[in-house]
Amino acid sequence: MAELNIEGMEIAPNVVETIVSLAARSVDGVVSVGDPATSGILSIIGGGKPSTQGIEIGTDEDGNLHVSVRLHVKNGQVLPELAASVRQAIADALSSQVGVKVGAVDIYIDGIQFSN
């Protein structure tokens, strides 16, 4: 994805991905964005920066963002409710922090964590 141009300000895709990662991880029941083993290692190497693995960002012809997020979640979650909460958290974060309209947020549950 090319840089976003919002009201004359260029925003790098990795900034948007970081906002998405933080918003998704803020939802209770989300263990990690992307593969938990890899994202844990990357956050250590990257100095605590949240992993953006498992996030894809695109735009449509109207300039709306389309976000795809791959998650690992805690056992016992009601998955449709969790997905709705993650969608809302991501849309709210991008709207307030970047000022872009979110067209769609696709959630993929790639794994369930059964132990603490």
Protein backbone atom coordinates (compact mmCIF):
# COMPACT_ATOMS: atom_id res chain seq x y z
CA MET A 1 0.00 0.00 0.00
CA ALA A 2 1.27 3.47 -0.87
CA GLU A 3 1.35 6.20 1.71
CA LEU A 4 -2.01 7.68 2.65
CA ASN A 5 -2.50 11.32 1.78
CA ILE A 6 -4.96 12.88 4.19
CA GLU A 7 -5.51 16.62 3.98
CA GLY A 8 -1.98 17.13 2.64
CA MET A 9 -0.35 14.88 5.23
CA GLU A 10 1.42 11.67 4.14
CA ILE A 11 1.00 8.71 6.50
CA ALA A 12 3.16 5.61 6.09
CA PRO A 13 1.35 2.25 5.94
CA ASN A 14 3.28 0.92 8.94
CA VAL A 15 1.81 3.75 11.07
CA VAL A 16 -1.70 2.67 10.10
CA GLU A 17 -0.82 -0.99 10.74
CA THR A 18 0.52 -0.11 14.21
CA ILE A 19 -2.72 1.71 15.07
CA VAL A 20 -4.72 -1.31 13.87
CA SER A 21 -2.55 -3.70 15.92
CA LEU A 22 -2.88 -1.66 19.10
CA ALA A 23 -6.64 -1.25 18.65
CA ALA A 24 -7.17 -4.98 18.05
CA ARG A 25 -5.02 -5.98 21.02
CA SER A 26 -6.93 -3.58 23.28
CA VAL A 27 -10.05 -5.76 22.96
CA ASP A 28 -10.47 -8.21 25.84
CA GLY A 29 -10.06 -11.77 24.56
CA VAL A 30 -7.50 -11.01 21.84
CA VAL A 31 -4.21 -12.81 22.53
CA SER A 32 -2.26 -11.52 19.54
CA VAL A 33 -2.38 -10.08 16.08
CA GLY A 34 -0.74 -12.53 13.68
CA ASP A 35 1.10 -15.59 14.98
CA PRO A 36 1.65 -15.21 18.75
CA ALA A 37 5.08 -16.88 18.68
CA THR A 38 6.38 -14.67 15.89
CA SER A 39 4.77 -11.46 17.15
CA GLY A 40 6.31 -12.00 20.60
CA ILE A 41 9.77 -12.42 19.12
CA LEU A 42 9.32 -9.42 16.81
CA SER A 43 8.21 -7.18 19.68
CA ILE A 44 11.35 -8.11 21.64
CA ILE A 45 13.64 -7.49 18.65
CA GLY A 46 11.74 -4.36 17.65
CA GLY A 47 12.09 -2.74 21.06
CA GLY A 48 8.51 -3.33 22.21
CA LYS A 49 6.83 -2.09 19.03
CA PRO A 50 3.63 -4.08 18.46
CA SER A 51 3.75 -6.62 15.65
CA THR A 52 1.99 -5.67 12.45
CA GLN A 53 2.24 -9.20 11.09
CA GLY A 54 -1.21 -10.45 10.11
CA ILE A 55 -2.50 -7.03 9.04
CA GLU A 56 -3.29 -6.02 5.48
CA ILE A 57 -4.38 -2.50 4.56
CA GLY A 58 -5.88 -1.39 1.26
CA THR A 59 -8.08 1.37 -0.10
CA ASP A 60 -11.02 1.40 -2.48
CA GLU A 61 -11.68 3.88 -5.29
CA ASP A 62 -13.46 6.20 -2.83
CA GLY A 63 -10.42 6.33 -0.54
CA ASN A 64 -12.00 4.23 2.22
CA LEU A 65 -9.67 1.87 4.06
CA HIS A 66 -10.16 -1.88 3.93
CA VAL A 67 -8.42 -3.70 6.76
CA SER A 68 -7.82 -7.44 7.18
CA VAL A 69 -6.63 -8.67 10.57
CA ARG A 70 -5.57 -12.17 11.62
CA LEU A 71 -6.04 -12.88 15.34
CA HIS A 72 -5.38 -15.48 17.98
CA VAL A 73 -7.96 -15.33 20.77
CA LYS A 74 -8.54 -16.74 24.25
CA ASN A 75 -10.63 -19.86 24.65
CA GLY A 76 -14.24 -19.27 25.68
CA GLN A 77 -14.83 -16.09 23.66
CA VAL A 78 -18.04 -15.60 21.70
CA LEU A 79 -16.32 -15.17 18.35
CA PRO A 80 -18.95 -13.06 16.51
CA GLU A 81 -19.10 -10.64 19.47
CA LEU A 82 -15.31 -10.50 19.73
CA ALA A 83 -15.00 -9.82 15.98
CA ALA A 84 -17.59 -7.03 16.22
CA SER A 85 -15.68 -5.45 19.13
CA VAL A 86 -12.39 -5.63 17.22
CA ARG A 87 -14.00 -4.11 14.11
CA GLN A 88 -15.39 -1.22 16.16
CA ALA A 89 -12.11 -0.63 18.02
CA ILE A 90 -10.15 -0.51 14.75
CA ALA A 91 -12.66 1.77 13.00
CA ASP A 92 -12.77 4.14 15.98
CA ALA A 93 -8.97 4.27 16.31
CA LEU A 94 -8.39 4.95 12.62
CA SER A 95 -11.14 7.55 12.49
CA SER A 96 -9.92 9.47 15.54
CA GLN A 97 -6.14 9.12 15.07
CA VAL A 98 -5.79 9.26 11.28
CA GLY A 99 -9.06 10.81 10.17
CA VAL A 100 -9.85 8.23 7.51
CA LYS A 101 -13.10 6.51 6.75
CA VAL A 102 -13.01 2.73 7.17
CA GLY A 103 -14.97 0.85 4.52
CA ALA A 104 -14.49 -2.67 5.91
CA VAL A 105 -12.63 -4.59 8.58
CA ASP A 106 -12.28 -8.31 7.91
CA ILE A 107 -11.45 -10.46 10.94
CA TYR A 108 -9.81 -13.88 10.61
CA ILE A 109 -9.52 -16.05 13.72
CA ASP A 110 -6.39 -18.13 13.11
CA GLY A 111 -6.09 -19.73 16.52
CA ILE A 112 -7.46 -20.16 20.01
CA GLN A 113 -5.28 -20.14 23.12
CA PHE A 114 -6.41 -22.73 25.65
CA SER A 115 -4.03 -21.96 28.50
CA ASN A 116 -2.82 -18.84 30.21
